[in-house]
Amino acid sequence: MIGPLPAPLQRPATPPASPVGPDLNGLVLLDLPDFDSLAGAHRVEADRVLDQVDVFIWVTDPQKYADARLHEDYIARLSAHDAVTITILNQADRLGPAGLAACRADLIRLLTADGLADPEVIATSARDGSGVDDLLHRMSVVVAGHHAAVKRLDSDLRSAATALRPGVADSEPTLDGSADAELVAALSRAAGIPVIVDAVEREFRRETAVVTGWPVTRWVSALRPDPLRRIGLGKDRPEHARAISQSDVRSVLGRSSLPPATPAARSAVALSTRTLGDRAGRELPQAWTDEVTDAAMPPGADLADALDQAVVSTSLRARDPRWWTLCGVLQFILAITAAVGLGWLIVLMVLGWLQLPTVGTPRLGPLPYPSLLLVGGLLAGYLMSLLTRALGRVSSRRRKALVAGRLRESVQQVVRERLISPVQEVLDRHRMTREYLDQARKPRDRAGN
């Protein structure tokens, strides 16, 4: 009880080296300020402590025993408190036997009016020590009764803890990383991540052909269906991010158009979650094993929804390679070069067909410039297409690995939130239960330690 008390009260007196008289071991006696103190802090301090004690000892005297503040503000208000109440009528030596009896009877009457049942009044004298032995004896009876009650409660607590202790194990299994890796792999297959990353790779190659292909024929590649949009995961352009896109809507709804998991994938997920439950529940009592198993195997629909939301909320965007722009510009230059050569040859053919005078055609050795521009532009464009196709294959594999890493992180988050964390919570509850029961089984001394 000392901990919550105000700082001035947290100074228990040092007990004498050789206790004399009744056994008061375990008693903490607090001398509070007078109830009629004019200092407001004293009243606040007393009110706070009075709500936490087991015994009230009211000390008054023949001059103050009828004070209204004592009876109305304290005794009457605290009469329903579950505590022993002892009233000390001090300065008894100043009254004769008849006066003391009359004063004591009047105080008992006032205490009864305050709501105390069978009030107890002990007459004492600080001057001659009369009544002090009676007070010490009464306090020792209270302390002994308190110790007996605590001892009975402690015995009952230890008996209950001993009876409950076989319901928990001596330790808890540790969730290793292998179970997490197996779950991530199984749930990745169930979530369709292999299908997604393959679509990302094909989509990157298609965009490479659209951006860096031969300008005259690249529209053919643009007409091919987008692999990502076919599974409801279209990759929106970063420059269109201000508009509400289809992927934004899908992210809000948490749905994709991925095909459902195959029976083999679902079986792999069930096996992995069952393995997690078996590892986490090994050597635990059956009740705890069942709870661990339930935590490791959430409803299939909930897990499927969590995986689908993790997939649609994962960004499939990435910065376009810089060589796309360079190769695209070079392809346009080569296309214009070939177009200039072709146009030049057409002009020469028309002039010859009309038998009009022509200007001499410049040559580079035996090759005329128009033919050189046409053939050179076409050949260089074809070689550039082969180069960009090879670069696209390499870059598509990198893009595939990048997106696969993001998706694995999303699946890992689902594994931690939906599987690992619930199982770990059960193990933590088991550990706390075991520690509490072990602590409750230990015998305590009279101070409660």
Protein backbone atom coordinates (compact mmCIF):
# COMPACT_ATOMS: atom_id res chain seq x y z
CA MET A 1 0.00 0.00 0.00
CA ILE A 2 2.99 2.32 0.48
CA GLY A 3 3.53 2.79 -3.27
CA PRO A 4 0.42 4.87 -4.10
CA LEU A 5 0.69 7.01 -0.95
CA PRO A 6 1.82 10.66 -1.01
CA ALA A 7 5.55 11.20 -0.74
CA PRO A 8 5.50 12.52 2.85
CA LEU A 9 3.87 9.26 3.98
CA GLN A 10 6.28 6.91 2.21
CA ARG A 11 8.64 6.75 5.19
CA PRO A 12 7.79 3.66 7.25
CA ALA A 13 9.40 3.77 10.66
CA THR A 14 12.24 1.37 11.39
CA PRO A 15 10.99 -1.37 13.77
CA PRO A 16 12.85 -1.85 17.05
CA ALA A 17 15.59 -4.45 17.13
CA SER A 18 13.82 -6.47 19.85
CA PRO A 19 10.02 -6.18 19.55
CA VAL A 20 8.25 -6.15 22.89
CA GLY A 21 4.58 -6.87 23.53
CA PRO A 22 1.93 -8.17 21.12
CA ASP A 23 2.93 -9.41 17.68
CA LEU A 24 2.39 -6.46 15.34
CA ASN A 25 4.59 -7.76 12.54
CA GLY A 26 3.19 -6.61 9.21
CA LEU A 27 1.42 -3.59 10.67
CA VAL A 28 1.94 -0.29 8.85
CA LEU A 29 0.80 2.53 11.14
CA LEU A 30 0.20 5.90 9.48
CA ASP A 31 -0.20 9.01 11.61
CA LEU A 32 -2.39 11.33 9.53
CA PRO A 33 -2.90 15.06 10.08
CA ASP A 34 -5.67 16.16 12.44
CA PHE A 35 -9.14 16.12 10.93
CA ASP A 36 -9.61 19.76 11.93
CA SER A 37 -6.37 20.93 10.32
CA LEU A 38 -6.71 24.27 8.54
CA ALA A 39 -4.30 23.23 5.77
CA GLY A 40 -6.20 22.08 2.68
CA ALA A 41 -3.36 19.79 1.61
CA HIS A 42 -3.67 17.87 4.89
CA ARG A 43 -7.33 17.12 4.24
CA VAL A 44 -6.63 15.97 0.67
CA GLU A 45 -3.80 13.77 1.93
CA ALA A 46 -5.96 12.20 4.62
CA ASP A 47 -8.90 11.58 2.29
CA ARG A 48 -6.67 9.80 -0.19
CA VAL A 49 -5.15 7.48 2.40
CA LEU A 50 -8.42 6.65 4.15
CA ASP A 51 -9.76 4.93 1.04
CA GLN A 52 -6.88 2.41 1.10
CA VAL A 53 -6.48 1.31 4.72
CA ASP A 54 -7.80 -1.76 6.54
CA VAL A 55 -8.24 -0.26 10.02
CA PHE A 56 -9.48 3.18 11.10
CA ILE A 57 -8.20 4.40 14.48
CA TRP A 58 -9.87 7.68 15.38
CA VAL A 59 -8.08 9.54 18.19
CA THR A 60 -10.14 12.16 19.99
CA ASP A 61 -10.46 13.59 23.49
CA PRO A 62 -13.19 14.82 25.81
CA GLN A 63 -13.06 18.30 24.25
CA LYS A 64 -13.30 17.24 20.56
CA TYR A 65 -15.16 13.91 20.53
CA ALA A 66 -18.45 15.55 19.47
CA ASP A 67 -16.93 17.70 16.69
CA ALA A 68 -19.30 17.69 13.71
CA ARG A 69 -16.45 17.57 11.20
CA LEU A 70 -15.17 14.32 12.69
CA HIS A 71 -18.57 12.65 12.63
CA GLU A 72 -20.12 14.08 9.47
CA ASP A 73 -17.09 14.40 7.21
CA TYR A 74 -15.30 11.20 8.18
CA ILE A 75 -16.92 8.63 10.47
CA ALA A 76 -20.42 8.80 8.97
CA ARG A 77 -19.07 8.95 5.43
CA LEU A 78 -16.75 5.99 5.99
CA SER A 79 -19.12 3.91 8.12
CA ALA A 80 -19.89 1.61 5.18
CA HIS A 81 -16.19 1.08 4.46
CA ASP A 82 -15.06 -2.54 4.80
CA ALA A 83 -12.57 -1.76 7.56
CA VAL A 84 -12.20 -2.22 11.31
CA THR A 85 -12.99 1.00 13.18
CA ILE A 86 -11.45 1.69 16.60
CA THR A 87 -12.07 4.94 18.45
CA ILE A 88 -9.59 6.10 21.10
CA LEU A 89 -10.78 8.48 23.79
CA ASN A 90 -7.48 10.01 24.89
CA GLN A 91 -6.79 12.17 27.96
CA ALA A 92 -8.89 9.80 30.06
CA ASP A 93 -6.78 10.75 33.09
CA ARG A 94 -8.41 14.19 33.13
CA LEU A 95 -11.83 12.71 33.90
CA GLY A 96 -13.03 10.90 36.94
CA PRO A 97 -14.54 7.42 36.70
CA ALA A 98 -18.07 8.74 36.42
CA GLY A 99 -17.16 11.44 33.95
CA LEU A 100 -15.14 9.00 31.85
CA ALA A 101 -18.03 6.53 31.75
CA ALA A 102 -20.49 9.27 30.76
CA CYS A 103 -18.17 10.66 28.09
CA ARG A 104 -17.50 7.18 26.70
CA ALA A 105 -21.22 6.36 26.62
CA ASP A 106 -21.99 9.62 24.80
CA LEU A 107 -19.24 8.93 22.25
CA ILE A 108 -20.65 5.44 21.64
CA ARG A 109 -24.07 7.04 21.08
CA LEU A 110 -22.64 9.44 18.50
CA LEU A 111 -20.77 6.65 16.73
CA THR A 112 -23.93 4.56 16.60
CA ALA A 113 -25.76 7.53 15.09
CA ASP A 114 -22.97 7.78 12.50
CA GLY A 115 -23.83 4.28 11.30
CA LEU A 116 -21.25 2.14 13.10
CA ALA A 117 -22.53 -1.20 14.36
CA ASP A 118 -21.27 -2.06 17.85
CA PRO A 119 -18.74 0.80 18.02
CA GLU A 120 -15.56 0.12 19.95
CA VAL A 121 -14.14 2.85 22.19
CA ILE A 122 -10.87 2.44 24.13
CA ALA A 123 -10.04 5.00 26.80
CA THR A 124 -6.34 5.82 26.95
CA SER A 125 -3.99 8.30 28.53
CA ALA A 126 -0.77 9.34 26.92
CA ARG A 127 0.35 10.76 30.27
CA ASP A 128 0.11 7.66 32.50
CA GLY A 129 -0.11 4.96 29.78
CA SER A 130 -3.46 3.61 30.87
CA GLY A 131 -5.37 1.83 28.11
CA VAL A 132 -2.30 1.52 25.87
CA ASP A 133 -1.98 -2.21 26.53
CA ASP A 134 -5.64 -2.68 25.62
CA LEU A 135 -5.04 -0.77 22.38
CA LEU A 136 -1.96 -2.84 21.52
CA HIS A 137 -3.83 -6.06 22.24
CA ARG A 138 -6.75 -4.96 20.05
CA MET A 139 -4.36 -4.05 17.23
CA SER A 140 -2.56 -7.39 17.55
CA VAL A 141 -5.92 -9.19 17.27
CA VAL A 142 -6.67 -7.26 14.09
CA VAL A 143 -3.21 -8.01 12.66
CA ALA A 144 -3.48 -11.70 13.55
CA GLY A 145 -6.91 -11.92 11.95
CA HIS A 146 -5.60 -10.24 8.85
CA HIS A 147 -2.65 -12.63 8.68
CA ALA A 148 -4.95 -15.63 9.11
CA ALA A 149 -7.23 -14.42 6.32
CA VAL A 150 -4.29 -13.76 4.05
CA LYS A 151 -2.84 -17.16 4.88
CA ARG A 152 -6.12 -18.88 4.05
CA LEU A 153 -6.40 -16.97 0.78
CA ASP A 154 -2.78 -17.76 -0.06
CA SER A 155 -3.36 -21.45 0.66
CA ASP A 156 -6.47 -21.47 -1.53
CA LEU A 157 -4.61 -19.64 -4.27
CA ARG A 158 -1.69 -22.06 -4.22
CA SER A 159 -4.06 -25.03 -4.22
CA ALA A 160 -5.95 -23.66 -7.21
CA ALA A 161 -2.71 -22.84 -9.05
CA THR A 162 -1.36 -26.34 -8.37
CA ALA A 163 -4.56 -27.87 -9.72
CA LEU A 164 -4.44 -25.70 -12.85
CA ARG A 165 -0.69 -26.06 -13.49
CA PRO A 166 -0.96 -29.37 -15.45
CA GLY A 167 -3.06 -27.46 -17.98
CA VAL A 168 0.01 -25.63 -19.30
CA ALA A 169 3.38 -26.83 -20.55
CA ASP A 170 6.77 -26.00 -19.08
CA SER A 171 7.76 -23.91 -22.12
CA GLU A 172 6.47 -22.61 -25.43
CA PRO A 173 7.65 -23.57 -28.91
CA THR A 174 9.44 -20.91 -30.95
CA LEU A 175 8.17 -20.01 -34.40
CA ASP A 176 11.17 -20.39 -36.69
CA GLY A 177 11.67 -18.73 -40.06
CA SER A 178 11.26 -21.95 -42.04
CA ALA A 179 7.55 -22.09 -41.29
CA ASP A 180 7.19 -18.47 -42.42
CA ALA A 181 9.06 -19.19 -45.67
CA GLU A 182 6.94 -22.26 -46.41
CA LEU A 183 3.74 -20.31 -45.78
CA VAL A 184 4.84 -17.44 -48.02
CA ALA A 185 5.71 -19.84 -50.83
CA ALA A 186 2.40 -21.71 -50.54
CA LEU A 187 0.29 -18.57 -50.26
CA SER A 188 2.16 -16.96 -53.16
CA ARG A 189 1.15 -19.83 -55.40
CA ALA A 190 -2.41 -19.70 -54.11
CA ALA A 191 -2.57 -15.93 -54.72
CA GLY A 192 -1.55 -16.44 -58.35
CA ILE A 193 1.74 -14.57 -58.06
CA PRO A 194 3.46 -16.80 -60.65
CA VAL A 195 0.69 -15.87 -63.10
CA ILE A 196 1.06 -12.18 -62.23
CA VAL A 197 4.82 -11.98 -62.62
CA ASP A 198 4.66 -13.88 -65.92
CA ALA A 199 2.07 -11.36 -67.10
CA VAL A 200 4.34 -8.52 -65.96
CA GLU A 201 7.20 -9.98 -68.00
CA ARG A 202 5.05 -10.38 -71.13
CA GLU A 203 3.55 -6.93 -70.69
CA PHE A 204 7.02 -5.37 -70.44
CA ARG A 205 8.09 -7.06 -73.66
CA ARG A 206 4.91 -5.88 -75.38
CA GLU A 207 5.49 -2.29 -74.26
CA THR A 208 9.11 -2.52 -75.38
CA ALA A 209 7.92 -3.46 -78.85
CA VAL A 210 5.34 -0.65 -78.83
CA VAL A 211 7.80 2.04 -77.74
CA THR A 212 10.99 0.95 -79.52
CA GLY A 213 9.67 -1.07 -82.47
CA TRP A 214 9.65 -0.04 -86.14
CA PRO A 215 7.28 2.98 -86.24
CA VAL A 216 5.45 1.70 -89.30
CA THR A 217 4.60 -1.68 -87.76
CA ARG A 218 4.61 -1.01 -84.00
CA TRP A 219 0.85 -0.52 -84.06
CA VAL A 220 0.58 -4.27 -84.58
CA SER A 221 2.16 -4.82 -81.14
CA ALA A 222 -0.15 -2.21 -79.65
CA LEU A 223 -3.17 -4.21 -80.83
CA ARG A 224 -2.09 -7.25 -78.85
CA PRO A 225 -4.02 -7.67 -75.55
CA ASP A 226 -2.36 -6.40 -72.38
CA PRO A 227 -1.52 -9.49 -70.27
CA LEU A 228 -2.06 -7.57 -67.02
CA ARG A 229 -5.43 -6.15 -67.97
CA ARG A 230 -6.63 -9.62 -68.89
CA ILE A 231 -6.28 -10.61 -65.21
CA GLY A 232 -7.67 -7.32 -63.90
CA LEU A 233 -4.33 -5.82 -62.88
CA GLY A 234 -3.71 -3.22 -65.56
CA LYS A 235 -0.65 -1.07 -64.91
CA ASP A 236 -1.65 2.59 -65.08
CA ARG A 237 0.78 5.15 -66.40
CA PRO A 238 2.35 7.38 -63.73
CA GLU A 239 1.43 10.48 -65.71
CA HIS A 240 -2.24 9.57 -65.35
CA ALA A 241 -2.02 9.23 -61.57
CA ARG A 242 -4.21 12.27 -60.93
CA ALA A 243 -7.21 10.61 -62.55
CA ILE A 244 -9.19 7.81 -60.90
CA SER A 245 -7.94 4.72 -62.66
CA GLN A 246 -9.28 1.20 -62.86
CA SER A 247 -6.52 -0.08 -60.61
CA ASP A 248 -7.47 2.53 -58.00
CA VAL A 249 -11.07 1.27 -58.08
CA ARG A 250 -9.88 -2.34 -57.81
CA SER A 251 -7.66 -1.38 -54.91
CA VAL A 252 -10.66 0.09 -53.07
CA LEU A 253 -12.86 -2.91 -53.83
CA GLY A 254 -10.02 -5.33 -53.12
CA ARG A 255 -10.76 -7.65 -56.02
CA SER A 256 -8.84 -8.91 -59.03
CA SER A 257 -9.73 -11.07 -62.01
CA LEU A 258 -7.17 -13.73 -61.19
CA PRO A 259 -8.31 -17.30 -61.66
CA PRO A 260 -9.12 -19.14 -58.43
CA ALA A 261 -6.41 -21.18 -56.80
CA THR A 262 -6.03 -24.69 -58.11
CA PRO A 263 -6.84 -27.64 -55.83
CA ALA A 264 -3.12 -28.34 -55.58
CA ALA A 265 -2.43 -24.77 -54.43
CA ARG A 266 -5.23 -24.91 -51.88
CA SER A 267 -3.92 -28.22 -50.59
CA ALA A 268 -0.44 -26.72 -50.24
CA VAL A 269 -1.84 -23.82 -48.22
CA ALA A 270 -3.81 -26.19 -45.97
CA LEU A 271 -0.72 -28.34 -45.46
CA SER A 272 1.47 -25.33 -44.62
CA THR A 273 -1.02 -23.89 -42.12
CA ARG A 274 -1.48 -27.31 -40.55
CA THR A 275 2.29 -27.65 -40.29
CA LEU A 276 2.47 -24.22 -38.62
CA GLY A 277 -0.17 -25.30 -36.11
CA ASP A 278 1.62 -28.59 -35.43
CA ARG A 279 4.96 -26.87 -34.84
CA ALA A 280 3.49 -24.15 -32.64
CA GLY A 281 1.33 -26.58 -30.66
CA ARG A 282 3.82 -29.37 -30.08
CA GLU A 283 4.29 -30.35 -26.43
CA LEU A 284 1.37 -28.13 -25.41
CA PRO A 285 -1.68 -29.54 -23.62
CA GLN A 286 -4.59 -30.46 -25.85
CA ALA A 287 -6.68 -27.37 -25.08
CA TRP A 288 -3.83 -25.07 -26.04
CA THR A 289 -3.00 -27.19 -29.09
CA ASP A 290 -6.56 -26.83 -30.33
CA GLU A 291 -6.44 -23.07 -29.85
CA VAL A 292 -3.13 -22.83 -31.72
CA THR A 293 -4.54 -24.94 -34.55
CA ASP A 294 -7.61 -22.70 -34.82
CA ALA A 295 -5.39 -19.60 -34.93
CA ALA A 296 -3.17 -21.12 -37.62
CA MET A 297 -6.10 -22.09 -39.85
CA PRO A 298 -8.40 -19.07 -40.39
CA PRO A 299 -11.47 -19.43 -42.62
CA GLY A 300 -10.47 -19.97 -46.24
CA ALA A 301 -12.61 -17.09 -47.52
CA ASP A 302 -10.98 -14.60 -45.14
CA LEU A 303 -7.49 -15.69 -46.12
CA ALA A 304 -8.35 -15.61 -49.84
CA ASP A 305 -9.78 -12.09 -49.53
CA ALA A 306 -6.69 -10.92 -47.65
CA LEU A 307 -4.42 -12.34 -50.35
CA ASP A 308 -6.49 -10.79 -53.15
CA GLN A 309 -6.43 -7.40 -51.44
CA ALA A 310 -2.68 -7.70 -50.93
CA VAL A 311 -2.22 -8.39 -54.64
CA VAL A 312 -4.39 -5.54 -55.93
CA SER A 313 -2.86 -3.07 -53.47
CA THR A 314 0.70 -3.89 -54.56
CA SER A 315 2.11 -1.42 -57.05
CA LEU A 316 3.12 -2.95 -60.38
CA ARG A 317 4.48 0.36 -61.60
CA ALA A 318 8.11 1.13 -62.22
CA ARG A 319 10.03 3.82 -64.04
CA ASP A 320 10.31 3.20 -67.77
CA PRO A 321 13.86 2.41 -68.90
CA ARG A 322 15.70 5.40 -70.31
CA TRP A 323 16.86 3.40 -73.28
CA TRP A 324 13.23 3.16 -74.40
CA THR A 325 13.21 6.88 -75.20
CA LEU A 326 16.62 6.78 -76.88
CA CYS A 327 15.80 3.77 -79.03
CA GLY A 328 12.36 5.17 -79.86
CA VAL A 329 13.89 8.43 -81.10
CA LEU A 330 16.51 6.55 -83.15
CA GLN A 331 13.78 4.40 -84.71
CA PHE A 332 11.88 7.52 -85.77
CA ILE A 333 15.06 9.00 -87.25
CA LEU A 334 15.74 5.79 -89.15
CA ALA A 335 12.13 5.63 -90.32
CA ILE A 336 12.31 9.22 -91.57
CA THR A 337 15.60 8.41 -93.30
CA ALA A 338 14.04 5.46 -95.09
CA ALA A 339 10.98 7.56 -95.93
CA VAL A 340 13.18 10.30 -97.42
CA GLY A 341 15.04 7.75 -99.54
CA LEU A 342 11.77 6.17 -100.67
CA GLY A 343 10.27 9.54 -101.50
CA TRP A 344 13.34 10.53 -103.44
CA LEU A 345 13.19 7.35 -105.50
CA ILE A 346 9.49 7.89 -106.18
CA VAL A 347 10.17 11.42 -107.39
CA LEU A 348 12.89 10.14 -109.71
CA MET A 349 10.55 7.44 -111.05
CA VAL A 350 7.76 9.96 -111.71
CA LEU A 351 10.12 12.34 -113.47
CA GLY A 352 11.43 9.52 -115.62
CA TRP A 353 7.91 8.28 -116.43
CA LEU A 354 6.89 11.79 -117.45
CA GLN A 355 10.16 12.15 -119.41
CA LEU A 356 10.93 15.39 -117.63
CA PRO A 357 14.47 16.64 -117.21
CA THR A 358 16.05 15.41 -113.99
CA VAL A 359 18.86 16.63 -111.83
CA GLY A 360 21.81 14.33 -111.42
CA THR A 361 21.44 11.94 -108.51
CA PRO A 362 24.30 12.17 -106.00
CA ARG A 363 26.09 8.95 -105.25
CA LEU A 364 28.26 7.44 -102.62
CA GLY A 365 30.53 5.36 -104.75
CA PRO A 366 28.34 3.13 -106.90
CA LEU A 367 25.28 3.59 -104.62
CA PRO A 368 22.88 6.49 -105.21
CA TYR A 369 21.85 8.41 -102.14
CA PRO A 370 18.11 7.62 -102.43
CA SER A 371 18.73 3.87 -102.46
CA LEU A 372 21.31 4.22 -99.71
CA LEU A 373 18.88 6.15 -97.50
CA LEU A 374 16.06 3.66 -98.09
CA VAL A 375 18.07 0.47 -97.63
CA GLY A 376 20.19 1.89 -94.82
CA GLY A 377 17.17 3.15 -92.89
CA LEU A 378 15.33 -0.16 -93.24
CA LEU A 379 18.36 -2.28 -92.37
CA ALA A 380 19.38 -0.10 -89.39
CA GLY A 381 15.78 -0.10 -88.14
CA TYR A 382 15.65 -3.89 -88.34
CA LEU A 383 18.94 -4.23 -86.47
CA MET A 384 17.70 -1.73 -83.88
CA SER A 385 14.55 -3.84 -83.42
CA LEU A 386 16.67 -6.94 -82.80
CA LEU A 387 18.75 -5.03 -80.25
CA THR A 388 15.75 -3.63 -78.38
CA ARG A 389 14.13 -7.05 -78.36
CA ALA A 390 17.21 -8.53 -76.68
CA LEU A 391 17.36 -5.64 -74.20
CA GLY A 392 13.63 -6.10 -73.56
CA ARG A 393 14.10 -9.75 -72.61
CA VAL A 394 16.83 -8.86 -70.12
CA SER A 395 14.92 -5.91 -68.67
CA SER A 396 11.65 -7.87 -68.50
CA ARG A 397 13.30 -10.45 -66.29
CA ARG A 398 14.50 -7.66 -64.00
CA ARG A 399 11.04 -6.13 -63.92
CA LYS A 400 9.61 -9.57 -63.14
CA ALA A 401 12.01 -10.00 -60.22
CA LEU A 402 11.21 -6.50 -58.93
CA VAL A 403 7.45 -7.06 -58.96
CA ALA A 404 7.85 -10.57 -57.55
CA GLY A 405 9.73 -9.12 -54.58
CA ARG A 406 6.98 -6.58 -53.94
CA LEU A 407 4.29 -9.23 -54.12
CA ARG A 408 6.22 -11.54 -51.80
CA GLU A 409 6.46 -8.72 -49.25
CA SER A 410 2.69 -8.23 -49.48
CA VAL A 411 2.10 -11.94 -48.96
CA GLN A 412 4.55 -11.94 -46.04
CA GLN A 413 2.50 -9.17 -44.47
CA VAL A 414 -0.63 -11.30 -44.83
CA VAL A 415 1.18 -14.28 -43.30
CA ARG A 416 2.33 -12.21 -40.34
CA GLU A 417 -1.05 -10.57 -39.73
CA ARG A 418 -3.40 -13.48 -40.43
CA LEU A 419 -1.34 -16.51 -39.36
CA ILE A 420 1.85 -15.81 -37.43
CA SER A 421 0.48 -13.05 -35.17
CA PRO A 422 -2.64 -14.98 -34.06
CA VAL A 423 -0.54 -18.05 -33.28
CA GLN A 424 2.04 -15.94 -31.43
CA GLU A 425 -0.75 -14.33 -29.40
CA VAL A 426 -1.89 -17.78 -28.25
CA LEU A 427 1.69 -18.69 -27.29
CA ASP A 428 2.07 -15.39 -25.42
CA ARG A 429 -1.13 -16.08 -23.48
CA HIS A 430 0.19 -19.55 -22.64
CA ARG A 431 3.47 -18.06 -21.40
CA MET A 432 1.66 -15.48 -19.25
CA THR A 433 -0.64 -18.16 -17.83
CA ARG A 434 2.32 -20.41 -17.01
CA GLU A 435 4.24 -17.58 -15.33
CA TYR A 436 1.21 -16.48 -13.30
CA LEU A 437 0.50 -20.02 -12.13
CA ASP A 438 4.14 -20.60 -11.18
CA GLN A 439 4.16 -17.34 -9.26
CA ALA A 440 0.90 -18.22 -7.51
CA ARG A 441 2.26 -21.62 -6.42
CA LYS A 442 5.16 -20.07 -4.49
CA PRO A 443 4.62 -19.74 -0.71
CA ARG A 444 4.58 -16.18 0.62
CA ASP A 445 5.91 -14.75 3.84
CA ARG A 446 3.83 -12.68 6.20
CA ALA A 447 4.71 -9.52 4.29
CA GLY A 448 3.16 -11.00 1.15
CA ASN A 449 6.44 -11.52 -0.72
